Amino acid sequence: MSFIDAIKSGFRNYANFKGRAGRSEYWWWVLFTVLVETAASGFGDSLGGLVTIALLLPSLAVGVRRMHDTNHRGWWILFPIVNLIFLVSKSDTVENRFGPPPPPRTL
């Protein structure tokens, strides 16, 4: 998944906590949020806070879907060290209890 596709998917599924999100989708989304929040904080704390609040729900949704992609419940996102291990691990290549794998990456 490309950077632009990951951003589109993040906003399209901003409150979707079902299904799966691949590793590339998750990490592109993380890069996008870091860049946007850094840029917004340069304009003041209030704008940075608004951007952080606006990106909170989509970020949680992508994170939960990423947990599902590794065949773990979304609640694991609340445990920082454990969820980091799950976030960097490979995806399940077959259908798991959370649905089919994300579509293959296109170049």
Protein backbone atom coordinates (compact mmCIF):
# COMPACT_ATOMS: atom_id res chain seq x y z
CA MET A 1 0.00 0.00 0.00
CA SER A 2 1.34 3.42 -0.90
CA PHE A 3 1.55 6.44 1.36
CA ILE A 4 -1.43 8.16 -0.30
CA ASP A 5 -3.53 4.98 -0.28
CA ALA A 6 -2.83 4.50 3.43
CA ILE A 7 -3.98 8.05 4.20
CA LYS A 8 -7.13 7.60 2.14
CA SER A 9 -7.84 4.29 3.84
CA GLY A 10 -7.24 5.81 7.28
CA PHE A 11 -9.80 8.56 6.70
CA ARG A 12 -12.23 6.33 4.81
CA ASN A 13 -12.24 3.87 7.73
CA TYR A 14 -11.82 6.46 10.47
CA ALA A 15 -14.21 4.72 12.87
CA ASN A 16 -14.04 1.18 11.49
CA PHE A 17 -12.71 -1.14 14.17
CA LYS A 18 -13.51 -4.31 12.22
CA GLY A 19 -11.40 -5.98 9.60
CA ARG A 20 -7.67 -5.88 9.10
CA ALA A 21 -4.98 -3.33 8.20
CA GLY A 22 -1.66 -4.45 6.79
CA ARG A 23 1.73 -3.47 8.14
CA SER A 24 2.36 -0.93 5.37
CA GLU A 25 -1.02 0.72 5.89
CA TYR A 26 -0.38 1.10 9.62
CA TRP A 27 3.18 2.44 9.36
CA TRP A 28 2.35 4.87 6.53
CA TRP A 29 -0.50 6.16 8.70
CA VAL A 30 1.87 6.59 11.65
CA LEU A 31 4.30 8.56 9.45
CA PHE A 32 1.45 10.76 8.21
CA THR A 33 0.22 11.54 11.73
CA VAL A 34 3.73 12.34 12.95
CA LEU A 35 4.34 14.70 10.02
CA VAL A 36 0.96 16.44 10.34
CA GLU A 37 1.17 16.80 14.12
CA THR A 38 4.73 18.14 13.90
CA ALA A 39 3.73 20.68 11.26
CA ALA A 40 0.62 21.72 13.20
CA SER A 41 2.51 22.15 16.46
CA GLY A 42 4.76 24.64 14.67
CA PHE A 43 1.73 26.93 14.35
CA GLY A 44 0.92 26.82 18.04
CA ASP A 45 -0.14 24.52 20.80
CA SER A 46 -3.85 24.99 20.20
CA LEU A 47 -3.65 23.94 16.53
CA GLY A 48 -1.40 21.02 17.45
CA GLY A 49 -3.92 19.92 20.07
CA LEU A 50 -6.80 20.14 17.59
CA VAL A 51 -4.92 18.05 15.04
CA THR A 52 -4.05 15.47 17.68
CA ILE A 53 -7.69 15.20 18.72
CA ALA A 54 -8.83 15.01 15.09
CA LEU A 55 -6.41 12.16 14.32
CA LEU A 56 -7.01 10.20 17.54
CA LEU A 57 -10.02 8.14 16.42
CA PRO A 58 -8.61 7.21 12.98
CA SER A 59 -5.29 6.29 14.60
CA LEU A 60 -7.00 4.04 17.14
CA ALA A 61 -9.03 2.40 14.38
CA VAL A 62 -5.96 1.70 12.23
CA GLY A 63 -4.13 0.36 15.28
CA VAL A 64 -6.97 -1.98 16.22
CA ARG A 65 -7.25 -3.23 12.64
CA ARG A 66 -3.49 -3.84 12.66
CA MET A 67 -3.87 -5.93 15.83
CA HIS A 68 -6.57 -7.91 14.03
CA ASP A 69 -4.17 -8.47 11.13
CA THR A 70 -1.80 -10.27 13.50
CA ASN A 71 -4.76 -12.31 14.87
CA HIS A 72 -4.92 -10.48 18.21
CA ARG A 73 -7.78 -8.60 19.81
CA GLY A 74 -7.77 -4.82 19.52
CA TRP A 75 -7.46 -4.40 23.28
CA TRP A 76 -3.77 -5.28 23.01
CA ILE A 77 -3.20 -1.74 21.75
CA LEU A 78 -3.51 -0.58 25.37
CA PHE A 79 -0.30 -2.40 26.40
CA PRO A 80 2.61 -0.41 24.91
CA ILE A 81 5.47 -2.92 24.83
CA VAL A 82 3.35 -5.90 23.81
CA ASN A 83 1.48 -4.02 21.09
CA LEU A 84 4.75 -2.77 19.59
CA ILE A 85 5.85 -6.38 19.18
CA PHE A 86 2.54 -7.22 17.50
CA LEU A 87 2.67 -4.10 15.30
CA VAL A 88 6.03 -5.01 13.79
CA SER A 89 5.23 -8.70 13.35
CA LYS A 90 4.18 -10.17 10.03
CA SER A 91 0.55 -10.37 9.02
CA ASP A 92 -1.45 -13.57 8.91
CA THR A 93 -1.44 -14.55 5.25
CA VAL A 94 -4.67 -16.52 5.52
CA GLU A 95 -8.12 -15.60 6.72
CA ASN A 96 -8.29 -15.38 10.50
CA ARG A 97 -11.14 -14.74 12.95
CA PHE A 98 -11.16 -11.04 11.97
CA GLY A 99 -11.62 -11.59 8.25
CA PRO A 100 -9.63 -12.03 5.07
CA PRO A 101 -6.15 -10.54 4.72
CA PRO A 102 -5.84 -7.02 3.31
CA PRO A 103 -5.49 -6.87 -0.48
CA PRO A 104 -1.98 -7.41 -1.82
CA ARG A 105 0.26 -4.43 -2.21
CA THR A 106 0.21 -2.81 -5.65
CA LEU A 107 3.19 -1.07 -7.14
